[in-house]
């Protein structure tokens, strides 16, 4: 009823209930409709949630184009993780035309908003030289920031930089430290690489 009365946060809450089958029958399509309504009313977390639903195909029809549109609206509303996720779509060309410059800008915005995944993905772009001049030292700083913020893949990427002496002095001790950190955060590749160094 709160959603029907124009209370858009209520639409978001109701969408979450439909998505998870919590107090309402599980219905991804209904959840997506409610998220879109909340999103259009300025509940930007709903934009992100709806985009995830479109992208992951949880009970709703997968729609990469709609996911990109919803992530964009969430990003414009200040949801850093939406900026990061939209950056991934531009980086891969999924639902949008591949555009490294746009991905870079979105990752920067996400990282500046303290989204660890955005920092790590920005690091990858500098590490690979994708759409930007290759800068391993900058990649190391970005991976470090992501790792310190609890993003396992950032720790793993940082460990690789130490193992390969890319942007930093080679250090098996630091490589092991960051592979272990990634492992402790549940990142399986980190566990495998940590064991390989022992």
Protein backbone atom coordinates (compact mmCIF):
# COMPACT_ATOMS: atom_id res chain seq x y z
CA UNK A 1 0.00 0.00 0.00
CA UNK A 2 2.86 2.40 0.72
CA UNK A 3 4.07 1.92 -2.85
CA UNK A 4 0.59 2.57 -4.24
CA UNK A 5 0.46 5.81 -2.24
CA UNK A 6 3.52 7.19 -4.01
CA UNK A 7 6.03 6.30 -1.29
CA UNK A 8 8.86 5.06 -3.54
CA UNK A 9 10.99 3.63 -0.71
CA UNK A 10 8.00 1.36 -0.08
CA UNK A 11 8.25 0.15 -3.70
CA UNK A 12 11.91 -0.69 -3.11
CA UNK A 13 11.09 -2.66 0.04
CA UNK A 14 8.26 -4.49 -1.66
CA UNK A 15 10.49 -5.27 -4.64
CA UNK A 16 13.06 -6.77 -2.29
CA UNK A 17 10.34 -8.94 -0.75
CA UNK A 18 9.24 -10.21 -4.18
CA UNK A 19 12.84 -10.80 -5.28
CA UNK A 20 13.64 -12.92 -2.23
CA UNK A 21 10.25 -14.49 -1.52
CA UNK A 22 10.27 -12.89 1.91
CA UNK A 23 6.68 -12.12 2.94
CA UNK A 24 5.57 -12.23 -0.70
CA UNK A 25 5.69 -14.93 -3.37
CA UNK A 26 9.03 -14.99 -5.19
CA UNK A 27 8.53 -13.11 -8.46
CA UNK A 28 11.49 -11.55 -10.24
CA UNK A 29 9.43 -9.74 -12.85
CA UNK A 30 7.26 -8.08 -10.19
CA UNK A 31 10.39 -7.22 -8.19
CA UNK A 32 11.96 -5.60 -11.26
CA UNK A 33 8.82 -3.53 -11.94
CA UNK A 34 8.84 -2.28 -8.34
CA UNK A 35 12.57 -1.51 -8.44
CA UNK A 36 12.08 0.46 -11.65
CA UNK A 37 9.21 2.42 -10.07
CA UNK A 38 11.31 3.21 -7.00
CA UNK A 39 14.28 4.10 -9.21
CA UNK A 40 12.19 6.54 -11.24
CA UNK A 41 11.14 8.12 -7.95
CA UNK A 42 14.73 8.80 -6.89
CA UNK A 43 15.45 5.70 -4.77
CA UNK A 44 18.81 5.10 -6.46
CA UNK A 45 19.67 1.92 -4.57
CA UNK A 46 16.60 0.46 -6.29
CA UNK A 47 18.18 1.30 -9.66
CA UNK A 48 21.24 -0.74 -8.70
CA UNK A 49 19.16 -3.62 -7.34
CA UNK A 50 17.00 -3.72 -10.49
CA UNK A 51 20.09 -3.66 -12.71
CA UNK A 52 21.55 -6.61 -10.80
CA UNK A 53 18.30 -8.48 -11.32
CA UNK A 54 18.43 -7.76 -15.07
CA UNK A 55 22.07 -8.72 -15.31
CA UNK A 56 21.96 -11.88 -13.24
CA UNK A 57 18.61 -13.02 -14.57
CA UNK A 58 17.23 -13.82 -11.11
CA UNK A 59 13.68 -14.92 -11.99
CA UNK A 60 13.42 -11.91 -14.32
CA UNK A 61 14.25 -11.88 -17.99
CA UNK A 62 17.92 -11.05 -18.54
CA UNK A 63 18.31 -7.72 -20.24
CA UNK A 64 21.80 -6.22 -20.47
CA UNK A 65 20.54 -3.02 -22.11
CA UNK A 66 18.04 -2.40 -19.28
CA UNK A 67 20.73 -3.27 -16.72
CA UNK A 68 22.99 -0.60 -18.22
CA UNK A 69 20.20 1.97 -18.16
CA UNK A 70 19.41 1.23 -14.50
CA UNK A 71 23.07 1.23 -13.46
CA UNK A 72 23.46 4.59 -15.18
CA UNK A 73 20.57 6.08 -13.25
CA UNK A 74 21.95 4.65 -9.99
CA UNK A 75 25.40 6.01 -10.76
CA UNK A 76 23.96 9.46 -11.51
CA UNK A 77 22.20 9.22 -8.13
CA UNK A 78 25.48 8.69 -6.29
CA UNK A 79 25.54 4.89 -5.92
CA UNK A 80 29.26 4.15 -6.44
CA UNK A 81 28.79 0.41 -6.92
CA UNK A 82 26.38 1.19 -9.77
CA UNK A 83 29.12 3.28 -11.43
CA UNK A 84 31.53 0.37 -11.05
CA UNK A 85 29.07 -2.16 -12.46
CA UNK A 86 28.26 0.13 -15.40
CA UNK A 87 32.01 0.49 -15.99
CA UNK A 88 32.25 -3.29 -16.33
CA UNK A 89 29.52 -3.24 -18.99
CA UNK A 90 31.38 -0.56 -20.97
CA UNK A 91 34.69 -2.38 -20.52
CA UNK A 92 33.20 -5.61 -21.91
CA UNK A 93 30.69 -4.10 -24.35
CA UNK A 94 27.76 -5.86 -22.63
CA UNK A 95 24.44 -4.12 -23.28
CA UNK A 96 26.34 -1.03 -24.45
CA UNK A 97 28.98 -0.31 -27.08
CA UNK A 98 32.44 -1.15 -25.73
CA UNK A 99 34.12 2.08 -24.66
CA UNK A 100 37.28 2.04 -22.53
CA UNK A 101 37.22 5.81 -21.99
CA UNK A 102 33.74 5.61 -20.47
CA UNK A 103 34.70 2.56 -18.40
CA UNK A 104 37.73 4.45 -17.10
CA UNK A 105 35.64 7.50 -16.16
CA UNK A 106 33.06 5.30 -14.38
CA UNK A 107 35.72 3.33 -12.49
CA UNK A 108 37.33 6.61 -11.38
CA UNK A 109 33.98 7.87 -10.13
CA UNK A 110 33.34 4.59 -8.32
CA UNK A 111 36.82 4.51 -6.77
CA UNK A 112 36.52 8.15 -5.67
CA UNK A 113 33.24 7.10 -4.03
CA UNK A 114 35.14 4.38 -2.11
CA UNK A 115 33.92 1.43 -4.15
CA UNK A 116 36.75 -1.11 -3.83
CA UNK A 117 35.73 -3.04 -6.96
CA UNK A 118 35.88 0.20 -8.95
CA UNK A 119 39.42 0.85 -7.65
CA UNK A 120 40.53 -2.66 -8.56
CA UNK A 121 38.98 -2.47 -12.04
CA UNK A 122 40.61 0.92 -12.58
CA UNK A 123 43.88 -0.72 -11.54
CA UNK A 124 43.37 -3.39 -14.19
CA UNK A 125 42.99 -0.72 -16.86
CA UNK A 126 46.28 0.93 -15.83
CA UNK A 127 47.94 -2.47 -15.44
CA UNK A 128 46.92 -3.58 -18.94
CA UNK A 129 47.05 -0.19 -20.61
CA UNK A 130 43.42 -0.58 -21.70
CA UNK A 131 42.25 2.79 -23.00
CA UNK A 132 44.91 4.56 -20.97
CA UNK A 133 48.70 4.70 -20.88
CA UNK A 134 50.06 1.65 -19.07
CA UNK A 135 51.10 2.64 -15.54
CA UNK A 136 51.96 -0.31 -13.26
CA UNK A 137 52.80 1.97 -10.30
CA UNK A 138 49.37 3.55 -10.43
CA UNK A 139 47.82 0.07 -10.76
CA UNK A 140 49.65 -1.00 -7.60
CA UNK A 141 48.25 2.00 -5.66
CA UNK A 142 44.73 1.24 -6.87
CA UNK A 143 45.01 -2.47 -6.05
CA UNK A 144 46.34 -1.51 -2.60
CA UNK A 145 43.34 0.76 -2.00
CA UNK A 146 40.95 -1.97 -3.13
CA UNK A 147 42.66 -4.56 -0.95
CA UNK A 148 42.65 -2.30 2.11
CA UNK A 149 38.92 -1.80 1.52
CA UNK A 150 38.32 -5.56 1.68
CA UNK A 151 38.10 -6.46 -2.02
CA UNK A 152 39.72 -9.87 -2.43
CA UNK A 153 40.46 -9.54 -6.15
CA UNK A 154 42.30 -6.29 -5.43
CA UNK A 155 44.52 -8.17 -2.95
CA UNK A 156 45.07 -10.93 -5.50
CA UNK A 157 46.02 -8.47 -8.23
CA UNK A 158 48.38 -6.71 -5.83
CA UNK A 159 50.03 -10.05 -4.99
CA UNK A 160 50.60 -10.70 -8.68
CA UNK A 161 52.29 -7.30 -9.03
CA UNK A 162 54.71 -8.23 -6.21
CA UNK A 163 55.28 -11.70 -7.66
CA UNK A 164 56.04 -10.30 -11.13
CA UNK A 165 57.88 -7.13 -10.01
CA UNK A 166 55.42 -4.97 -11.93
CA UNK A 167 55.25 -1.44 -10.54
CA UNK A 168 56.94 -2.59 -7.32
CA UNK A 169 60.11 -4.37 -6.30
CA UNK A 170 59.74 -8.15 -6.49
CA UNK A 171 58.79 -9.59 -3.10
CA UNK A 172 57.65 -13.15 -2.57
CA UNK A 173 56.91 -12.20 1.05
CA UNK A 174 54.46 -9.49 -0.02
CA UNK A 175 53.06 -11.68 -2.79
CA UNK A 176 52.34 -14.41 -0.23
CA UNK A 177 50.86 -11.85 2.19
CA UNK A 178 48.39 -10.54 -0.37
CA UNK A 179 47.56 -13.96 -1.85
CA UNK A 180 46.74 -15.06 1.71
CA UNK A 181 44.64 -11.94 2.27
CA UNK A 182 42.67 -12.73 -0.89
CA UNK A 183 42.31 -16.34 0.25
CA UNK A 184 41.11 -15.27 3.71
CA UNK A 185 38.43 -13.20 1.95
CA UNK A 186 37.22 -16.30 0.12
CA UNK A 187 38.93 -15.79 -3.25
CA UNK A 188 39.91 -19.30 -4.40
CA UNK A 189 42.63 -18.18 -6.84
CA UNK A 190 44.32 -16.44 -3.93
CA UNK A 191 44.34 -19.72 -1.97
CA UNK A 192 45.83 -21.64 -4.89
CA UNK A 193 48.55 -19.06 -5.49
CA UNK A 194 49.33 -18.81 -1.77
CA UNK A 195 49.79 -22.58 -1.58
CA UNK A 196 52.00 -22.52 -4.69
CA UNK A 197 54.34 -20.03 -2.97
CA UNK A 198 54.68 -22.07 0.23
